[in-house]
N, C-alpha and C. Protein backbone atom coordinates (compact mmCIF):
# COMPACT_ATOMS: atom_id res chain seq x y z
N MET A 1 78.50 47.95 122.06
CA MET A 1 79.09 49.19 121.86
C MET A 1 78.74 50.18 122.87
N ASN A 2 79.77 50.91 123.29
CA ASN A 2 79.58 51.87 124.32
C ASN A 2 79.90 53.32 123.74
N PHE A 3 78.90 54.03 123.44
CA PHE A 3 79.08 55.37 122.87
C PHE A 3 79.10 56.38 124.03
N ASP A 4 79.99 57.29 124.04
CA ASP A 4 80.08 58.40 124.94
C ASP A 4 79.16 59.54 124.53
N LEU A 5 77.90 59.55 125.05
CA LEU A 5 76.99 60.54 124.61
C LEU A 5 77.24 61.96 125.07
N ASP A 6 78.15 62.07 126.10
CA ASP A 6 78.47 63.36 126.65
C ASP A 6 79.55 64.11 125.79
N ASN A 7 80.10 63.38 124.83
CA ASN A 7 81.26 63.90 124.00
C ASN A 7 80.63 64.62 122.75
N SER A 8 79.76 65.60 123.01
CA SER A 8 79.17 66.26 121.87
C SER A 8 79.97 67.18 121.11
N SER A 9 81.17 67.58 121.68
CA SER A 9 82.02 68.48 120.94
C SER A 9 82.70 67.80 119.75
N PHE A 10 82.69 66.47 119.67
CA PHE A 10 83.22 65.73 118.56
C PHE A 10 82.50 66.17 117.28
N TRP A 11 81.22 66.43 117.32
CA TRP A 11 80.47 66.82 116.08
C TRP A 11 80.65 68.27 115.73
N LEU A 12 81.34 69.00 116.56
CA LEU A 12 81.61 70.42 116.23
C LEU A 12 82.88 70.64 115.47
N GLU A 13 83.67 69.50 115.43
CA GLU A 13 84.93 69.61 114.69
C GLU A 13 84.68 69.64 113.17
N PRO A 14 85.55 70.31 112.55
CA PRO A 14 85.41 70.35 110.97
C PRO A 14 85.90 69.05 110.37
N ASP A 15 85.42 68.76 109.23
CA ASP A 15 85.72 67.52 108.51
C ASP A 15 87.28 67.49 108.25
N VAL A 16 87.88 66.37 108.66
CA VAL A 16 89.34 66.29 108.64
C VAL A 16 89.80 66.27 107.15
N LEU A 17 89.09 65.63 106.24
CA LEU A 17 89.56 65.60 104.88
C LEU A 17 89.46 66.99 104.22
N LEU A 18 88.42 67.74 104.50
CA LEU A 18 88.36 69.13 104.00
C LEU A 18 89.46 69.94 104.59
N THR A 19 89.69 69.86 105.87
CA THR A 19 90.70 70.57 106.55
C THR A 19 92.09 70.35 105.93
N ASP A 20 92.38 69.06 105.70
CA ASP A 20 93.66 68.71 105.02
C ASP A 20 93.76 69.26 103.58
N LEU A 21 92.64 69.18 102.94
CA LEU A 21 92.61 69.76 101.49
C LEU A 21 92.88 71.22 101.56
N VAL A 22 92.21 71.96 102.49
CA VAL A 22 92.40 73.36 102.58
C VAL A 22 93.94 73.66 102.92
N SER A 23 94.35 72.95 103.90
CA SER A 23 95.73 73.16 104.47
C SER A 23 96.80 72.93 103.46
N TYR A 24 96.78 71.72 102.90
CA TYR A 24 97.91 71.34 101.93
C TYR A 24 97.72 71.82 100.58
N MET A 25 96.59 71.68 100.00
CA MET A 25 96.40 72.07 98.59
C MET A 25 96.25 73.58 98.41
N ALA A 26 95.39 74.23 99.16
CA ALA A 26 95.15 75.63 98.96
C ALA A 26 96.20 76.56 99.70
N ASN A 27 96.34 76.24 101.03
CA ASN A 27 97.25 77.10 101.78
C ASN A 27 98.75 76.86 101.47
N LYS A 28 99.23 75.65 101.48
CA LYS A 28 100.61 75.39 101.27
C LYS A 28 100.98 75.41 99.86
N MET A 29 100.26 74.76 98.96
CA MET A 29 100.65 74.71 97.52
C MET A 29 100.11 75.83 96.68
N GLY A 30 99.11 76.54 97.17
CA GLY A 30 98.51 77.67 96.42
C GLY A 30 97.64 77.25 95.29
N ALA A 31 97.14 75.94 95.37
CA ALA A 31 96.33 75.43 94.29
C ALA A 31 94.88 76.02 94.43
N GLN A 32 94.27 76.24 93.36
CA GLN A 32 92.79 76.78 93.32
C GLN A 32 91.95 75.70 92.85
N LEU A 33 90.95 75.30 93.60
CA LEU A 33 90.13 74.09 93.35
C LEU A 33 88.63 74.59 93.34
N GLY A 34 87.84 74.12 92.38
CA GLY A 34 86.39 74.35 92.40
C GLY A 34 85.83 73.50 93.56
N VAL A 35 84.92 74.17 94.31
CA VAL A 35 84.38 73.37 95.46
C VAL A 35 82.96 73.88 95.71
N THR A 36 82.13 72.92 96.16
CA THR A 36 80.76 73.28 96.59
C THR A 36 80.59 72.89 98.05
N LEU A 37 80.12 73.81 98.81
CA LEU A 37 79.87 73.58 100.30
C LEU A 37 78.39 73.57 100.59
N MET A 38 77.98 72.79 101.50
CA MET A 38 76.59 72.83 101.99
C MET A 38 76.59 73.35 103.43
N ILE A 39 75.88 74.44 103.66
CA ILE A 39 75.86 75.05 104.97
C ILE A 39 74.40 75.47 105.31
N LYS A 40 73.89 74.83 106.24
CA LYS A 40 72.52 75.04 106.81
C LYS A 40 71.47 75.14 105.70
N GLY A 41 71.49 74.26 104.78
CA GLY A 41 70.51 74.19 103.72
C GLY A 41 70.79 74.96 102.47
N ALA A 42 71.84 75.70 102.49
CA ALA A 42 72.23 76.47 101.30
C ALA A 42 73.50 75.88 100.66
N PHE A 43 73.63 76.07 99.40
CA PHE A 43 74.84 75.72 98.68
C PHE A 43 75.65 76.87 98.38
N LEU A 44 76.93 76.81 98.64
CA LEU A 44 77.93 77.78 98.28
C LEU A 44 78.88 77.19 97.35
N THR A 45 79.10 77.75 96.15
CA THR A 45 80.05 77.20 95.22
C THR A 45 80.99 78.38 94.80
N GLY A 46 82.23 77.96 94.49
CA GLY A 46 83.25 78.90 94.13
C GLY A 46 84.59 78.20 94.00
N THR A 47 85.64 79.01 94.07
CA THR A 47 87.02 78.49 93.94
C THR A 47 87.69 78.60 95.30
N LEU A 48 88.16 77.36 95.79
CA LEU A 48 88.87 77.35 97.06
C LEU A 48 90.24 77.94 96.78
N VAL A 49 90.58 79.01 97.63
CA VAL A 49 91.89 79.65 97.51
C VAL A 49 92.55 79.63 98.88
N GLY A 50 93.87 79.85 98.88
CA GLY A 50 94.58 79.77 100.12
C GLY A 50 94.40 80.98 100.95
N GLU A 51 94.65 80.88 102.20
CA GLU A 51 94.59 81.87 103.23
C GLU A 51 95.43 83.11 102.85
N ASN A 52 96.62 82.87 102.27
CA ASN A 52 97.45 83.97 101.86
C ASN A 52 96.81 84.84 100.73
N ALA A 53 96.11 84.23 99.88
CA ALA A 53 95.39 84.98 98.76
C ALA A 53 94.36 85.90 99.38
N TYR A 54 93.63 85.40 100.39
CA TYR A 54 92.67 86.19 101.03
C TYR A 54 93.28 87.32 101.88
N LEU A 55 94.30 87.03 102.57
CA LEU A 55 94.95 88.07 103.42
C LEU A 55 95.56 89.13 102.51
N ALA A 56 96.11 88.76 101.37
CA ALA A 56 96.75 89.69 100.38
C ALA A 56 95.60 90.59 99.89
N ALA A 57 94.55 89.99 99.42
CA ALA A 57 93.42 90.71 98.86
C ALA A 57 92.80 91.71 99.84
N ILE A 58 92.57 91.28 101.11
CA ILE A 58 92.02 92.20 102.10
C ILE A 58 93.02 93.30 102.49
N SER A 59 94.28 93.00 102.47
CA SER A 59 95.30 94.02 102.72
C SER A 59 95.28 95.13 101.59
N ASP A 60 95.29 94.60 100.34
CA ASP A 60 95.26 95.51 99.19
C ASP A 60 94.06 96.44 99.19
N LEU A 61 92.90 95.85 99.56
CA LEU A 61 91.66 96.61 99.57
C LEU A 61 91.68 97.76 100.67
N PHE A 62 92.06 97.36 101.85
CA PHE A 62 92.15 98.35 102.94
C PHE A 62 93.20 99.36 102.78
N GLN A 63 94.41 98.94 102.27
CA GLN A 63 95.37 99.93 102.02
C GLN A 63 94.98 100.94 100.90
N ALA A 64 94.35 100.50 99.93
CA ALA A 64 93.84 101.39 98.82
C ALA A 64 92.75 102.34 99.40
N MET A 65 91.90 101.84 100.19
CA MET A 65 90.85 102.64 100.84
C MET A 65 91.43 103.80 101.70
N ALA A 66 92.48 103.32 102.48
CA ALA A 66 93.16 104.32 103.35
C ALA A 66 93.94 105.32 102.62
N ARG A 67 94.64 104.85 101.58
CA ARG A 67 95.43 105.87 100.76
C ARG A 67 94.54 106.85 100.06
N ASP A 68 93.33 106.44 99.70
CA ASP A 68 92.35 107.41 99.08
C ASP A 68 91.88 108.40 100.05
N THR A 69 91.97 108.18 101.36
CA THR A 69 91.52 109.18 102.23
C THR A 69 92.59 110.20 102.70
N LEU A 70 93.81 109.89 102.26
CA LEU A 70 94.91 110.82 102.59
C LEU A 70 94.89 111.99 101.59
N PRO A 71 95.32 113.18 102.08
CA PRO A 71 95.43 114.28 101.15
C PRO A 71 96.54 114.04 100.11
N ALA A 72 96.50 114.78 99.05
CA ALA A 72 97.47 114.58 97.96
C ALA A 72 98.90 114.98 98.40
N THR A 73 98.96 115.79 99.55
CA THR A 73 100.31 116.25 99.98
C THR A 73 100.89 115.21 101.01
N ALA A 74 100.26 114.00 101.16
CA ALA A 74 100.76 113.05 102.21
C ALA A 74 102.17 112.65 101.94
N SER A 75 102.95 112.55 103.01
CA SER A 75 104.33 112.18 102.86
C SER A 75 104.54 110.75 102.63
N ALA A 76 105.75 110.37 102.21
CA ALA A 76 106.06 108.92 102.04
C ALA A 76 105.95 108.14 103.31
N ASP A 77 106.26 108.80 104.46
CA ASP A 77 106.17 108.11 105.70
C ASP A 77 104.69 107.91 106.06
N ASP A 78 103.78 108.78 105.67
CA ASP A 78 102.37 108.53 105.91
C ASP A 78 101.89 107.35 105.11
N LEU A 79 102.27 107.28 103.78
CA LEU A 79 101.91 106.25 102.91
C LEU A 79 102.43 104.88 103.46
N GLU A 80 103.67 104.87 103.96
CA GLU A 80 104.27 103.66 104.49
C GLU A 80 103.55 103.27 105.76
N ALA A 81 103.17 104.22 106.57
CA ALA A 81 102.45 103.89 107.77
C ALA A 81 101.06 103.21 107.49
N ILE A 82 100.38 103.76 106.48
CA ILE A 82 99.11 103.15 106.02
C ILE A 82 99.37 101.68 105.52
N ILE A 83 100.35 101.46 104.73
CA ILE A 83 100.67 100.17 104.21
C ILE A 83 100.95 99.19 105.34
N ASP A 84 101.73 99.56 106.39
CA ASP A 84 102.12 98.82 107.58
C ASP A 84 100.82 98.52 108.36
N ALA A 85 100.00 99.51 108.58
CA ALA A 85 98.81 99.41 109.45
C ALA A 85 97.82 98.43 108.84
N PHE A 86 97.69 98.34 107.60
CA PHE A 86 96.74 97.50 106.93
C PHE A 86 97.40 96.28 106.23
N ASP A 87 98.44 95.75 106.76
CA ASP A 87 99.08 94.58 106.19
C ASP A 87 98.65 93.40 107.02
N PHE A 88 97.70 92.70 106.53
CA PHE A 88 97.16 91.51 107.25
C PHE A 88 97.81 90.17 106.94
N GLU A 89 98.79 90.23 106.05
CA GLU A 89 99.40 88.97 105.53
C GLU A 89 100.20 88.25 106.58
N THR A 90 100.53 88.88 107.65
CA THR A 90 101.25 88.19 108.75
C THR A 90 100.34 87.50 109.70
N LEU A 91 99.09 87.58 109.45
CA LEU A 91 98.05 86.97 110.37
C LEU A 91 97.72 85.55 109.96
N ALA A 92 98.37 84.99 109.08
CA ALA A 92 98.06 83.64 108.60
C ALA A 92 98.09 82.55 109.78
N GLU A 93 97.05 81.78 109.86
CA GLU A 93 97.02 80.73 110.87
C GLU A 93 97.57 79.43 110.47
N ASP A 94 97.75 79.20 109.09
CA ASP A 94 98.22 77.93 108.69
C ASP A 94 99.66 78.15 108.13
N VAL A 95 100.62 78.00 108.94
CA VAL A 95 102.00 78.35 108.60
C VAL A 95 102.77 77.01 108.55
N TYR A 96 103.60 76.95 107.55
CA TYR A 96 104.49 75.77 107.33
C TYR A 96 105.96 76.24 107.53
N PRO A 97 106.55 76.07 108.66
CA PRO A 97 107.92 76.46 108.81
C PRO A 97 108.85 75.53 108.04
N GLU A 98 109.46 76.03 107.03
CA GLU A 98 110.28 75.28 106.15
C GLU A 98 111.70 74.97 106.65
N ASP A 99 112.18 75.86 107.48
CA ASP A 99 113.58 75.73 107.89
C ASP A 99 113.70 75.36 109.34
N ILE A 100 112.70 74.82 109.93
CA ILE A 100 112.84 74.40 111.36
C ILE A 100 113.42 73.00 111.43
N GLU A 101 114.47 72.92 112.27
CA GLU A 101 115.08 71.57 112.44
C GLU A 101 114.23 70.74 113.36
N VAL A 102 113.85 69.59 112.93
CA VAL A 102 113.01 68.68 113.75
C VAL A 102 113.77 67.86 114.65
N ASP A 103 113.35 67.80 115.94
CA ASP A 103 113.98 66.84 116.89
C ASP A 103 113.36 65.48 116.79
N LYS A 104 113.98 64.52 116.26
CA LYS A 104 113.40 63.17 116.09
C LYS A 104 113.06 62.47 117.40
N ASP A 105 113.68 62.92 118.57
CA ASP A 105 113.36 62.31 119.84
C ASP A 105 112.24 62.98 120.57
N ASP A 106 111.58 63.98 120.00
CA ASP A 106 110.45 64.62 120.64
C ASP A 106 109.34 63.72 120.80
N GLU A 107 109.01 63.35 122.02
CA GLU A 107 107.92 62.41 122.27
C GLU A 107 106.51 63.11 122.24
N ASN A 108 106.55 64.40 122.36
CA ASN A 108 105.25 65.08 122.47
C ASN A 108 104.62 65.28 121.03
N ASP A 109 105.42 65.32 119.98
CA ASP A 109 104.88 65.54 118.64
C ASP A 109 105.42 64.57 117.71
N GLU A 110 104.52 63.67 117.27
CA GLU A 110 104.98 62.56 116.30
C GLU A 110 104.91 62.97 114.92
N GLU A 111 104.38 64.10 114.52
CA GLU A 111 104.16 64.36 113.05
C GLU A 111 105.03 65.38 112.46
N GLY A 112 105.92 66.03 113.19
CA GLY A 112 106.67 67.05 112.46
C GLY A 112 107.64 67.87 113.30
N GLY A 113 107.53 67.75 114.60
CA GLY A 113 108.43 68.47 115.45
C GLY A 113 108.02 69.92 115.77
N PHE A 114 106.87 70.38 115.25
CA PHE A 114 106.43 71.65 115.62
C PHE A 114 104.89 71.64 115.71
N ASP A 115 104.36 72.50 116.56
CA ASP A 115 102.87 72.56 116.84
C ASP A 115 102.32 73.57 115.88
N THR A 116 101.20 73.21 115.24
CA THR A 116 100.53 74.18 114.44
C THR A 116 99.14 74.35 115.02
N PRO A 117 98.65 75.63 115.00
CA PRO A 117 97.30 75.86 115.50
C PRO A 117 96.27 75.20 114.64
N PRO A 118 95.11 74.91 115.19
CA PRO A 118 94.03 74.27 114.36
C PRO A 118 93.66 75.28 113.29
N LEU A 119 93.32 74.62 112.10
CA LEU A 119 92.77 75.44 111.04
C LEU A 119 91.36 75.72 111.24
N ARG A 120 90.90 76.97 111.12
CA ARG A 120 89.57 77.40 111.38
C ARG A 120 88.77 77.89 110.20
N TYR A 121 89.47 78.25 109.07
CA TYR A 121 88.71 78.99 108.02
C TYR A 121 89.05 78.38 106.70
N VAL A 122 88.10 78.48 105.72
CA VAL A 122 88.24 78.18 104.39
C VAL A 122 87.92 79.45 103.61
N HIS A 123 88.57 79.65 102.46
CA HIS A 123 88.29 80.89 101.69
C HIS A 123 87.88 80.49 100.33
N LEU A 124 86.69 81.14 99.95
CA LEU A 124 86.04 80.75 98.72
C LEU A 124 86.01 82.03 97.80
N GLN A 125 86.63 81.97 96.66
CA GLN A 125 86.75 83.07 95.69
C GLN A 125 85.57 82.99 94.78
N ASP A 126 85.08 84.19 94.42
CA ASP A 126 83.91 84.29 93.55
C ASP A 126 82.80 83.42 93.97
N PRO A 127 82.35 83.57 95.24
CA PRO A 127 81.30 82.58 95.80
C PRO A 127 79.96 82.93 95.21
N MET A 128 79.19 81.90 95.08
CA MET A 128 77.77 81.98 94.68
C MET A 128 77.05 81.20 95.59
N ILE A 129 75.96 81.85 96.21
CA ILE A 129 75.09 81.17 97.15
C ILE A 129 73.88 80.78 96.42
N ILE A 130 73.61 79.47 96.38
CA ILE A 130 72.45 78.87 95.70
C ILE A 130 71.48 78.41 96.82
N TYR A 131 70.39 79.00 96.92
CA TYR A 131 69.36 78.73 97.89
C TYR A 131 68.04 78.43 97.10
N PRO A 132 67.16 77.62 97.63
CA PRO A 132 65.97 77.28 96.85
C PRO A 132 65.24 78.56 96.46
N GLY A 133 65.13 78.81 95.14
CA GLY A 133 64.48 79.96 94.59
C GLY A 133 65.29 81.17 94.24
N SER A 134 66.59 81.14 94.66
CA SER A 134 67.41 82.31 94.31
C SER A 134 68.87 81.90 94.28
N THR A 135 69.63 82.71 93.59
CA THR A 135 71.05 82.57 93.51
C THR A 135 71.70 83.93 93.69
N ILE A 136 72.67 84.02 94.50
CA ILE A 136 73.41 85.35 94.70
C ILE A 136 74.92 85.15 94.42
N SER A 137 75.44 86.05 93.58
CA SER A 137 76.75 86.00 93.22
C SER A 137 77.56 87.15 93.77
N PHE A 138 78.79 86.93 94.22
CA PHE A 138 79.58 88.11 94.78
C PHE A 138 80.83 88.28 93.88
N SER A 139 80.84 87.93 92.72
CA SER A 139 82.01 88.08 91.80
C SER A 139 82.37 89.51 91.52
N GLU A 140 81.33 90.46 91.62
CA GLU A 140 81.72 91.85 91.35
C GLU A 140 81.92 92.61 92.61
N SER A 141 82.15 91.92 93.74
CA SER A 141 82.41 92.53 95.02
C SER A 141 83.82 93.14 95.07
N PRO A 142 84.11 94.17 95.84
CA PRO A 142 85.45 94.68 95.93
C PRO A 142 86.40 93.66 96.54
N LEU A 143 85.80 92.76 97.36
CA LEU A 143 86.63 91.65 97.91
C LEU A 143 85.88 90.31 97.64
N PRO A 144 86.14 89.78 96.42
CA PRO A 144 85.30 88.52 96.02
C PRO A 144 85.76 87.27 96.66
N ILE A 145 86.32 87.34 97.90
CA ILE A 145 86.73 86.08 98.58
C ILE A 145 85.96 86.00 99.96
N MET A 146 85.20 84.95 100.11
CA MET A 146 84.44 84.78 101.33
C MET A 146 85.18 83.98 102.28
N ARG A 147 85.21 84.33 103.57
CA ARG A 147 85.92 83.59 104.63
C ARG A 147 84.84 82.87 105.40
N ILE A 148 84.93 81.51 105.51
CA ILE A 148 83.93 80.73 106.07
C ILE A 148 84.54 79.87 107.12
N ARG A 149 83.88 79.77 108.29
CA ARG A 149 84.41 78.94 109.39
C ARG A 149 84.20 77.49 109.04
N LEU A 150 85.28 76.71 109.18
CA LEU A 150 85.27 75.32 108.78
C LEU A 150 84.22 74.45 109.55
N ASN A 151 84.05 74.81 110.85
CA ASN A 151 83.11 73.92 111.62
C ASN A 151 81.62 74.28 111.38
N THR A 152 81.36 75.24 110.43
CA THR A 152 79.91 75.42 110.08
C THR A 152 79.55 74.70 108.80
N ILE A 153 80.50 74.06 108.13
CA ILE A 153 80.21 73.34 106.95
C ILE A 153 79.64 71.97 107.18
N ASP A 154 78.43 71.77 106.65
CA ASP A 154 77.69 70.47 106.82
C ASP A 154 78.16 69.38 105.84
N GLY A 155 78.53 69.81 104.67
CA GLY A 155 78.99 68.89 103.64
C GLY A 155 79.69 69.58 102.54
N TRP A 156 80.46 68.83 101.71
CA TRP A 156 81.19 69.51 100.69
C TRP A 156 81.47 68.46 99.55
N MET A 157 81.79 68.99 98.39
CA MET A 157 82.25 68.15 97.31
C MET A 157 83.16 68.99 96.40
N LEU A 158 84.07 68.30 95.69
CA LEU A 158 84.92 68.97 94.82
C LEU A 158 84.16 69.34 93.56
N GLY A 159 84.42 70.46 93.00
CA GLY A 159 83.73 70.99 91.74
C GLY A 159 82.77 72.11 92.08
N ARG A 160 82.66 73.00 91.14
CA ARG A 160 81.66 74.16 91.28
C ARG A 160 80.34 73.71 90.66
N ILE A 161 79.30 74.28 91.19
CA ILE A 161 78.03 74.14 90.52
C ILE A 161 77.94 75.17 89.35
N SER A 162 77.53 74.58 88.22
CA SER A 162 77.27 75.40 87.06
C SER A 162 75.86 75.82 87.03
N ILE A 163 75.62 77.16 86.79
CA ILE A 163 74.32 77.65 86.67
C ILE A 163 74.02 77.80 85.15
N MET A 164 72.98 77.15 84.68
CA MET A 164 72.58 77.17 83.28
C MET A 164 72.04 78.54 82.96
N SER A 165 72.38 79.02 81.78
CA SER A 165 71.88 80.39 81.31
C SER A 165 71.42 80.19 79.87
N ASP A 166 70.53 81.11 79.43
CA ASP A 166 70.08 81.06 78.10
C ASP A 166 71.01 81.96 77.19
N ASN A 167 70.67 82.11 75.94
CA ASN A 167 71.60 82.89 75.06
C ASN A 167 71.72 84.33 75.46
N ASP A 168 70.69 84.92 76.18
CA ASP A 168 70.76 86.31 76.52
C ASP A 168 71.59 86.48 77.74
N GLY A 169 72.07 85.46 78.34
CA GLY A 169 72.88 85.63 79.58
C GLY A 169 72.01 85.56 80.81
N ASP A 170 70.64 85.48 80.61
CA ASP A 170 69.81 85.40 81.87
C ASP A 170 69.85 84.01 82.29
N GLN A 171 69.61 83.90 83.61
CA GLN A 171 69.54 82.52 84.21
C GLN A 171 68.20 81.89 83.96
N GLU A 172 68.32 80.71 83.50
CA GLU A 172 67.14 79.87 83.11
C GLU A 172 66.61 79.22 84.38
N ASP A 173 65.34 78.88 84.33
CA ASP A 173 64.80 78.14 85.48
C ASP A 173 65.40 76.83 85.44
N LEU A 174 65.93 76.35 86.61
CA LEU A 174 66.51 75.01 86.66
C LEU A 174 65.40 73.96 86.57
N PRO A 175 65.72 72.78 86.08
CA PRO A 175 64.61 71.77 85.93
C PRO A 175 63.93 71.55 87.28
N LYS A 176 62.62 71.40 87.22
CA LYS A 176 61.84 71.15 88.42
C LYS A 176 62.02 69.78 88.78
N PRO A 177 62.12 69.41 90.07
CA PRO A 177 62.17 68.02 90.48
C PRO A 177 60.79 67.34 90.28
N PRO A 178 60.71 66.08 90.14
CA PRO A 178 59.49 65.43 90.05
C PRO A 178 58.62 65.51 91.26
N THR A 179 57.31 65.64 91.11
CA THR A 179 56.43 65.81 92.19
C THR A 179 56.37 64.44 92.91
N ARG A 180 56.47 64.50 94.20
CA ARG A 180 56.38 63.26 95.00
C ARG A 180 55.02 63.16 95.71
N LEU A 181 54.44 62.16 95.61
CA LEU A 181 53.22 61.92 96.33
C LEU A 181 53.48 61.10 97.59
N HIS A 182 53.02 61.51 98.73
CA HIS A 182 53.31 60.84 100.00
C HIS A 182 52.14 59.97 100.36
């Protein structure tokens, strides 16, 4: 076997299966899936949402903040300018042209007749960061959707991690792993 050791950029590419799941299920179909991501020793768990949900949420947040800074006497044109200035929904990177006619004789593109840019981000709603000794939740954040670069994800699995809690709603200590003797 001859491995090309100089091709280190191969390992910087995001997982193809996760990229397809994000692109087709979350971005195209709008499905919301529980997912757990492993990134640099930490676990992130939450609901995978589409890029459009993230862009709509961030647009709404910035538009509301900008409207709140305008005086009560602001004109309709001023309000419309604010809405246009903070409309991020047109910035989607994962676009599915529905009405493009595909040229079947195109030799450069075998899969659909149009070029799509590489997918770079995953969006996690109500994320919870679980790190040894602590858990951080962002569900009460004004924008409870985290944008994560796909090529930073070390591992992933479908399903959210459930945090056990006692009857008072406080987080219980998770079971301690058995002691290992070396």
